[in-house]
Amino acid sequence: MPKKILIVEDDPVIVKYLQAVFSDNGYATCTAGTAGDAMDVVRAERPDLITLDLQLPGEWGPRFYRKLRQDEALRDIPVIVVSGIDGDHAIKGAIAFVKKPFDPEKLIGIVKNTIG
């Protein structure tokens, strides 16, 4: 069974691109366009890794991240921030910060180092 990555991103073009990059490398994906939806998807899908945009409609990515870390069942899921704004300081526990536009090979390298 392939490892699963949750893509938390509100731009449908970037979502499709990330889905293609991950599926081409053998990963399954699930998606959420808002932080609120993301919590529901995390609980339902139990992804192995999350890519998180910082700018989301409604609630920002850092707030979602804090909620994730407060939930004992979910707190150990690794998070890679993928964002167009410079906010690596906003999420201290993220395993990596990848600035948009990003190199897909670099991102896949981080993913493979993290979840295999």
Protein backbone atom coordinates (compact mmCIF):
# COMPACT_ATOMS: atom_id res chain seq x y z
CA MET A 1 0.00 0.00 0.00
CA PRO A 2 1.53 3.37 -1.00
CA LYS A 3 2.28 6.05 1.56
CA LYS A 4 -0.35 8.80 1.61
CA ILE A 5 0.28 12.55 1.44
CA LEU A 6 -2.33 15.15 2.36
CA ILE A 7 -2.01 18.29 0.21
CA VAL A 8 -3.42 21.31 2.06
CA GLU A 9 -3.60 23.97 -0.67
CA ASP A 10 -6.32 26.27 -1.99
CA ASP A 11 -4.92 26.82 -5.51
CA PRO A 12 -6.36 24.06 -7.76
CA VAL A 13 -3.47 24.36 -10.24
CA ILE A 14 -0.89 23.70 -7.52
CA VAL A 15 -3.03 20.88 -6.08
CA LYS A 16 -3.11 19.12 -9.47
CA TYR A 17 0.63 19.66 -9.93
CA LEU A 18 1.48 18.27 -6.48
CA GLN A 19 -0.86 15.31 -7.05
CA ALA A 20 0.96 14.53 -10.31
CA VAL A 21 4.42 14.87 -8.74
CA PHE A 22 3.52 12.63 -5.82
CA SER A 23 1.63 10.00 -7.83
CA ASP A 24 4.47 9.83 -10.40
CA ASN A 25 6.71 8.88 -7.47
CA GLY A 26 4.41 6.19 -6.08
CA TYR A 27 2.54 8.11 -3.40
CA ALA A 28 -1.22 8.26 -2.86
CA THR A 29 -2.73 11.70 -2.22
CA CYS A 30 -5.71 13.31 -0.59
CA THR A 31 -6.46 17.02 -0.59
CA ALA A 32 -8.03 19.83 1.41
CA GLY A 33 -8.57 23.43 0.28
CA THR A 34 -9.07 24.95 3.73
CA ALA A 35 -7.62 24.41 7.20
CA GLY A 36 -11.03 23.33 8.49
CA ASP A 37 -11.40 20.69 5.80
CA ALA A 38 -7.81 19.61 6.42
CA MET A 39 -8.54 18.54 10.02
CA ASP A 40 -11.46 16.43 8.82
CA VAL A 41 -9.34 14.83 6.08
CA VAL A 42 -6.44 14.14 8.49
CA ARG A 43 -8.78 12.35 10.88
CA ALA A 44 -10.46 10.35 8.10
CA GLU A 45 -7.42 9.51 5.96
CA ARG A 46 -4.51 9.36 8.46
CA PRO A 47 -1.89 10.54 5.95
CA ASP A 48 1.78 9.69 6.38
CA LEU A 49 2.82 13.27 5.57
CA ILE A 50 1.18 16.67 5.03
CA THR A 51 2.18 19.48 2.68
CA LEU A 52 0.79 22.74 4.04
CA ASP A 53 0.31 26.13 2.42
CA LEU A 54 0.47 29.04 4.87
CA GLN A 55 -2.14 31.23 3.17
CA LEU A 56 -5.48 29.46 3.23
CA PRO A 57 -9.04 30.82 3.09
CA GLY A 58 -10.53 31.34 6.52
CA GLU A 59 -7.94 29.94 8.88
CA TRP A 60 -4.22 30.22 8.13
CA GLY A 61 -1.85 27.26 7.91
CA PRO A 62 -0.02 27.98 11.19
CA ARG A 63 -3.28 27.75 13.12
CA PHE A 64 -4.08 24.38 11.50
CA TYR A 65 -0.57 23.23 12.41
CA ARG A 66 -1.07 24.19 16.06
CA LYS A 67 -4.36 22.26 16.19
CA LEU A 68 -2.70 19.26 14.58
CA ARG A 69 0.09 19.27 17.17
CA GLN A 70 -2.41 19.50 20.05
CA ASP A 71 -4.11 16.26 18.97
CA GLU A 72 -2.19 13.30 20.41
CA ALA A 73 -3.30 10.94 17.64
CA LEU A 74 -2.12 13.32 14.90
CA ARG A 75 0.81 15.25 16.34
CA ASP A 76 3.53 13.02 14.91
CA ILE A 77 2.51 13.41 11.25
CA PRO A 78 5.40 15.21 9.51
CA VAL A 79 4.56 18.52 7.83
CA ILE A 80 6.32 20.20 4.91
CA VAL A 81 5.38 23.84 4.42
CA VAL A 82 4.97 24.67 0.71
CA SER A 83 4.19 28.38 0.43
CA GLY A 84 4.71 31.47 -1.66
CA ILE A 85 5.15 33.65 1.41
CA ASP A 86 8.31 33.54 3.45
CA GLY A 87 7.01 31.96 6.60
CA ASP A 88 9.42 29.26 7.66
CA HIS A 89 9.48 31.02 11.04
CA ALA A 90 5.69 30.61 11.36
CA ILE A 91 5.85 26.84 11.84
CA LYS A 92 8.82 25.85 13.95
CA GLY A 93 8.23 22.09 13.99
CA ALA A 94 7.85 21.62 10.23
CA ILE A 95 10.41 19.25 8.75
CA ALA A 96 11.05 21.59 5.81
CA PHE A 97 9.99 24.86 4.20
CA VAL A 98 9.74 24.82 0.41
CA LYS A 99 9.16 28.18 -1.26
CA LYS A 100 6.88 28.43 -4.32
CA PRO A 101 7.73 28.12 -7.11
CA PHE A 102 9.54 24.97 -6.07
CA ASP A 103 11.74 22.33 -7.63
CA PRO A 104 9.70 19.09 -7.65
CA GLU A 105 12.86 16.98 -7.32
CA LYS A 106 13.85 18.83 -4.16
CA LEU A 107 10.37 18.32 -2.70
CA ILE A 108 10.33 14.61 -3.58
CA GLY A 109 13.79 14.25 -2.02
CA ILE A 110 12.47 15.69 1.25
CA VAL A 111 9.42 13.42 1.11
CA LYS A 112 11.50 10.29 0.43
CA ASN A 113 13.92 11.15 3.25
CA THR A 114 10.97 11.59 5.60
CA ILE A 115 8.56 8.74 4.83
CA GLY A 116 10.47 6.55 2.37
